[in-house]
Amino acid sequence: MTQKQWVFLDENIDEAQAQAYSELFGIPLIVSRVLLNRGYTNAADAKKFLDKYSDDFYPPHLLCDMDKAVERINAAIKNGEYVVVYGDYDVDGITSTALVVNYLRSCGVRTDYYIPDRKDEGYGINAAAVKKIADSGAMLMISVDTGITAFEETRYAKELGVDVIITDHHECKETLPEAVAVINPKRSDCSYPFKDLAGVGVAFKLVCAASGKTEREILERYADVVALGTIADVVNLCDENRLIAARGIEKLSKNPNTGLAAIIATLGLKQKWNNCAVISYSIAPRLNAAGRMSNAMIAVDLLLTDDPREAEDLAVKLDMENKNRQRQEKIIFDEAVDIINKCDISDKNVLVLAKRNWHHGIIGVVASRICEKYNKTCILISIEDEWCKSSGRSVDGLNLFDALSACSDILEKFGGHAYAAGFSIKEEYIGELDRRLNEFAREKMSVKEPDRLFIDTRITVDDITAATIRKTECLAPYGAGNKVPIFAIMGVSVADVRTLSEGKHCRILAESEGRIIEAIAFGAGKLADEYYPGDIVDIAGELNINLYNGQVRLQIILSGIRMSSKKLHDILPDRQDFSDIYRFVRDRKSVTDEISGVCKTLTGVFGRRFMREKVINVLKVFEDLGIFSYSKLGDVLKINLLETEKGKKVSIDKSGVYQKIKEEALKICD
């Protein structure tokens, strides 16, 4: 939070246009600036964005093969055929399945569904499942959120007398499966104007076309389900996705379907639904837990039931599955960190971690957490008797799919994209994979951009009012492609700093123009070790209205904090700093701690303030002079005292690193 480079997005906006937007749309000036930052420089486009409850949808028949699909579905309805919907085990697939099944059943069609088991069958349509569906007497199979690469399986279904309609949103190959219809906005020959629909969005378009009803009419019944899959799949919340999400959030807050109402009841949710966080972090994980821990069909049953008692039982079961997922995730995370702590990873760009029988459905989530913690690409491998399963996540600068492609000769069934991928591998090749991936990263990895905090605009304390904060909600719902706006207040004075929830979080009270501003930093209790009353700081974050015990409190949810103006003595270490830090490390031989912990300990030992930037600069100089070695893994420092010739004196001024630090510090603090 404190080490990010701040980037102000409003540097080049037209202030006159921002003022015009404010008057035209009746919105605060700070909201107008956000619109311009995000590219809505045309008033018509800005108006369309703000009108999130409009009916500005594209005709579903613009999707290739939609007419063929509708014709085949109508034939199935007319002839009383048995239909099976084939879905995926994530939330997008679960909601897509529930939507199409519910619609077909409402038309009187005998309809069942099939979702493969994540562990035993894996992703996508498989031949064994197709055989089961054919043997059950189905004459039509409709895939949702999957199937775009199911060439052999579609051909096999046809041989068994089962017609196939494919609806999907994943990337297509040049050729398509030989199905009755293949509906995917990403088809190269598809002129549908919006390409970023989730799988459930494509299924929604199919239902609209098949029913002959408008999007508004279908969303009146299914908006919560369609929005849930859309938001959970992290597609861009613009254009049609924004319209879907806005209506879905509204329906969830007022009259959710029976199953989702039961989920909400188990959570005790009472807060406003002005963004997608509740869906992403509270509801979606419970539906996902079914596919990860047991069988996704439990989640589909929940979305389909109209029986409150059954819904309650299923919601409780999903809640238990999610808690089990959280426990297993913590175990795997702790074991992965333990592996990391037992080896030197300072020269590695890719962490390849393996252990027997890690849960397949969870390793991807843990890989993401490890990637975030250490800022390194991470691959977790569950060792099995034959083929070991894996899941990986990557950082900016390393295309994981390309890296795995370079190792394809020792992999089986690998796939994914730049930031996430999975594969199977034999245990004896894991060490070779580790070596080759890190070799690839050293050769190909581009220079990593500094971690940046994008700030929409600067504000003053006069902008922090309940009325202004409520008016910023016209920008919601927030999610991928439409982030929560971040506002910055410059040059405020810290009045008080304290931790909350047993040190997990930090609350900073800052004063500006005679007003106190409450800033909350979730998960950043260590800030209390870095900032002190009297510090002049810049703070940035999300504006928030907190309703607690009937009281309204205006807050900033912190995304970033920094010293407002750097002073030379905060950056450039003097001889006393070098002496104190040398003695501190010499007495301990080695130090491993978070940077904030090192600064706090130094401050306590020597009775004066040690800023993190100064400490890092001391370590850089001592490393240059061969006195210390140090590495920084995420926010954790590992410092080791090196053996030097006894009695040998070194001159700080002779360090080229010190001279460079001094030169840069003088520029910054000029």
Foldseek 3Di string as FASTA:
>chain_A
DAFFAADALQPDDDLVLLVVCCVVVVADSLLSLLCVSLPPSDPVSVVVLLPLQDQPDDQLVLWFQLVLLLVVLVVCLVVLFEEEEEFEQALLRLLLRLLLQQLSVVSVHNYYYDYDQCPPPNDADDQVVLVVCLVVRGQEYEYFQHDFPVAVNCVSNVVSNHAYEYQHQDAHDQDGHPGSYYTYCNHPPRPRPDNQQHRSRRSLSSSCSNVVHGSVVSCVPSLLSRLLSRQQVQTACDDPNSSSVVSNLVCLLPPDALLSVLLCVVVVDDDRSLACCCSNPRVSLLLSLCSQPPHSVLVSCSSNDNDNVSSNVSSVVSVVSSVVLVVLLVVVLVVQVVVPVVDDCQLFQEAEEEDAPRRQSRQQVSQVVLCQQQVHKYKYWHADPFKIKIKIFGHPQFQVVVLVVVVVVQWAPWDDTRGIIITIGHPVCSVVSRVSSRVCCVVRGDDDDGRHDYASEEDEVVCQDPVNLVSSSSQDHAGNNRHQHKYKYAFWFWADWDAPDVQQKIWTWTDDPRDTAIEIEGRPSLVSLADDGGFTKMWMAHWDWDQDPNDTDTHGHTPYMYRRADALCQAQPDPVVLVLVLVVCVVVQKDKDFLSVVQSVSCVVPVHGHHSNNVVLSQVLCVQVVQWDWGQRRRMIIIGGGDDDPPDDDDSVPRPSSVVSSVVSVVRND
